[in-house]
């Protein structure tokens, strides 16, 4: 365990940031799974709306530094290909 005050503060902040990041990543994965489930249902009318939500979640994750720019673009491309089918 850290003895220096600044190191203790950093350790506490790391825990808070880890919880926040994991929550945001979980929300990202959930929105993508909801979209993919709607596309798999084939008759779902809300696939377009779910695509918009998933793309926004991907952009949000990229802007917060949770995922890399190329991964964000690759994920959105894959989702748009599924939507076009």
C-alpha atoms as a PDB file:
ATOM      1  CA  UNK A   1       0.000   0.000   0.000  1.00  0.00           C
ATOM      2  CA  UNK A   2       1.169   3.509  -0.775  1.00  0.00           C
ATOM      3  CA  UNK A   3       2.517   5.702   2.013  1.00  0.00           C
ATOM      4  CA  UNK A   4       2.761   9.002   0.174  1.00  0.00           C
ATOM      5  CA  UNK A   5      -0.346  11.190   0.206  1.00  0.00           C
ATOM      6  CA  UNK A   6      -0.355  11.838  -3.539  1.00  0.00           C
ATOM      7  CA  UNK A   7       0.076   8.123  -4.267  1.00  0.00           C
ATOM      8  CA  UNK A   8      -2.870   7.320  -1.991  1.00  0.00           C
ATOM      9  CA  UNK A   9      -5.005   9.888  -3.838  1.00  0.00           C
ATOM     10  CA  UNK A  10      -3.975   8.445  -7.225  1.00  0.00           C
ATOM     11  CA  UNK A  11      -4.871   4.933  -6.064  1.00  0.00           C
ATOM     12  CA  UNK A  12      -8.310   6.119  -4.961  1.00  0.00           C
ATOM     13  CA  UNK A  13      -8.854   8.003  -8.225  1.00  0.00           C
ATOM     14  CA  UNK A  14      -7.821   4.954 -10.234  1.00  0.00           C
ATOM     15  CA  UNK A  15     -10.564   2.930  -8.559  1.00  0.00           C
ATOM     16  CA  UNK A  16     -13.194   5.587  -9.326  1.00  0.00           C
ATOM     17  CA  UNK A  17     -12.047   5.924 -12.933  1.00  0.00           C
ATOM     18  CA  UNK A  18     -11.988   2.154 -13.441  1.00  0.00           C
ATOM     19  CA  UNK A  19     -15.598   1.865 -12.229  1.00  0.00           C
ATOM     20  CA  UNK A  20     -16.704   4.717 -14.483  1.00  0.00           C
ATOM     21  CA  UNK A  21     -14.903   3.312 -17.531  1.00  0.00           C
ATOM     22  CA  UNK A  22     -16.199  -0.212 -17.028  1.00  0.00           C
ATOM     23  CA  UNK A  23     -19.750   1.102 -16.718  1.00  0.00           C
ATOM     24  CA  UNK A  24     -19.448   3.078 -19.920  1.00  0.00           C
ATOM     25  CA  UNK A  25     -17.914   0.123 -21.773  1.00  0.00           C
ATOM     26  CA  UNK A  26     -20.736  -2.106 -20.530  1.00  0.00           C
ATOM     27  CA  UNK A  27     -23.297   0.407 -21.829  1.00  0.00           C
ATOM     28  CA  UNK A  28     -21.500   0.423 -25.180  1.00  0.00           C
ATOM     29  CA  UNK A  29     -21.570  -3.368 -25.434  1.00  0.00           C
ATOM     30  CA  UNK A  30     -25.232  -3.454 -24.385  1.00  0.00           C
ATOM     31  CA  UNK A  31     -26.290  -0.995 -27.092  1.00  0.00           C
ATOM     32  CA  UNK A  32     -24.406  -2.988 -29.726  1.00  0.00           C
ATOM     33  CA  UNK A  33     -25.971  -6.265 -28.559  1.00  0.00           C
ATOM     34  CA  UNK A  34     -29.463  -4.738 -28.644  1.00  0.00           C
ATOM     35  CA  UNK A  35     -28.893  -3.619 -32.233  1.00  0.00           C
ATOM     36  CA  UNK A  36     -27.540  -7.016 -33.287  1.00  0.00           C
ATOM     37  CA  UNK A  37     -30.499  -8.768 -31.647  1.00  0.00           C
ATOM     38  CA  UNK A  38     -32.907  -6.510 -33.533  1.00  0.00           C
ATOM     39  CA  UNK A  39     -31.162  -7.229 -36.838  1.00  0.00           C
ATOM     40  CA  UNK A  40     -31.199 -10.964 -36.110  1.00  0.00           C
ATOM     41  CA  UNK A  41     -34.948 -10.777 -35.480  1.00  0.00           C
ATOM     42  CA  UNK A  42     -35.228  -9.701 -39.128  1.00  0.00           C
ATOM     43  CA  UNK A  43     -38.694  -8.248 -38.633  1.00  0.00           C
ATOM     44  CA  UNK A  44     -37.683  -5.609 -36.113  1.00  0.00           C
ATOM     45  CA  UNK A  45     -38.803  -2.137 -37.120  1.00  0.00           C
ATOM     46  CA  UNK A  46     -36.548  -0.356 -34.634  1.00  0.00           C
ATOM     47  CA  UNK A  47     -33.233  -1.561 -36.103  1.00  0.00           C
ATOM     48  CA  UNK A  48     -32.506   1.859 -37.619  1.00  0.00           C
ATOM     49  CA  UNK A  49     -33.152   3.631 -34.319  1.00  0.00           C
ATOM     50  CA  UNK A  50     -31.014   1.110 -32.448  1.00  0.00           C
ATOM     51  CA  UNK A  51     -28.229   1.618 -35.001  1.00  0.00           C
ATOM     52  CA  UNK A  52     -28.257   5.362 -34.297  1.00  0.00           C
ATOM     53  CA  UNK A  53     -28.069   4.695 -30.548  1.00  0.00           C
ATOM     54  CA  UNK A  54     -25.227   2.190 -30.969  1.00  0.00           C
ATOM     55  CA  UNK A  55     -23.255   4.492 -33.286  1.00  0.00           C
ATOM     56  CA  UNK A  56     -23.654   7.343 -30.803  1.00  0.00           C
ATOM     57  CA  UNK A  57     -22.442   5.091 -27.988  1.00  0.00           C
ATOM     58  CA  UNK A  58     -19.398   4.121 -30.054  1.00  0.00           C
ATOM     59  CA  UNK A  59     -18.620   7.767 -30.786  1.00  0.00           C
ATOM     60  CA  UNK A  60     -19.031   8.634 -27.110  1.00  0.00           C
ATOM     61  CA  UNK A  61     -16.663   5.836 -26.072  1.00  0.00           C
ATOM     62  CA  UNK A  62     -14.100   7.052 -28.590  1.00  0.00           C
ATOM     63  CA  UNK A  63     -14.341  10.659 -27.456  1.00  0.00           C
ATOM     64  CA  UNK A  64     -13.767   9.582 -23.837  1.00  0.00           C
ATOM     65  CA  UNK A  65     -10.722   7.526 -24.800  1.00  0.00           C
ATOM     66  CA  UNK A  66     -12.259   4.149 -23.991  1.00  0.00           C
ATOM     67  CA  UNK A  67     -11.691   2.756 -27.469  1.00  0.00           C
ATOM     68  CA  UNK A  68      -9.306   3.624 -30.284  1.00  0.00           C
ATOM     69  CA  UNK A  69     -10.410   5.673 -33.299  1.00  0.00           C
ATOM     70  CA  UNK A  70      -9.894   2.764 -35.693  1.00  0.00           C
ATOM     71  CA  UNK A  71     -11.910   0.393 -33.508  1.00  0.00           C
ATOM     72  CA  UNK A  72     -14.744   2.898 -33.372  1.00  0.00           C
ATOM     73  CA  UNK A  73     -14.781   3.232 -37.159  1.00  0.00           C
ATOM     74  CA  UNK A  74     -14.474  -0.533 -37.640  1.00  0.00           C
ATOM     75  CA  UNK A  75     -17.378  -1.226 -35.254  1.00  0.00           C
ATOM     76  CA  UNK A  76     -19.633   1.361 -36.905  1.00  0.00           C
ATOM     77  CA  UNK A  77     -18.778  -0.070 -40.320  1.00  0.00           C
ATOM     78  CA  UNK A  78     -19.689  -3.592 -39.205  1.00  0.00           C
ATOM     79  CA  UNK A  79     -22.973  -2.387 -37.743  1.00  0.00           C
ATOM     80  CA  UNK A  80     -23.889  -0.460 -40.895  1.00  0.00           C
ATOM     81  CA  UNK A  81     -23.159  -3.549 -43.024  1.00  0.00           C
ATOM     82  CA  UNK A  82     -25.516  -5.575 -40.825  1.00  0.00           C
ATOM     83  CA  UNK A  83     -28.170  -2.898 -41.120  1.00  0.00           C
ATOM     84  CA  UNK A  84     -27.880  -2.837 -44.932  1.00  0.00           C
ATOM     85  CA  UNK A  85     -28.507  -6.602 -45.249  1.00  0.00           C
END
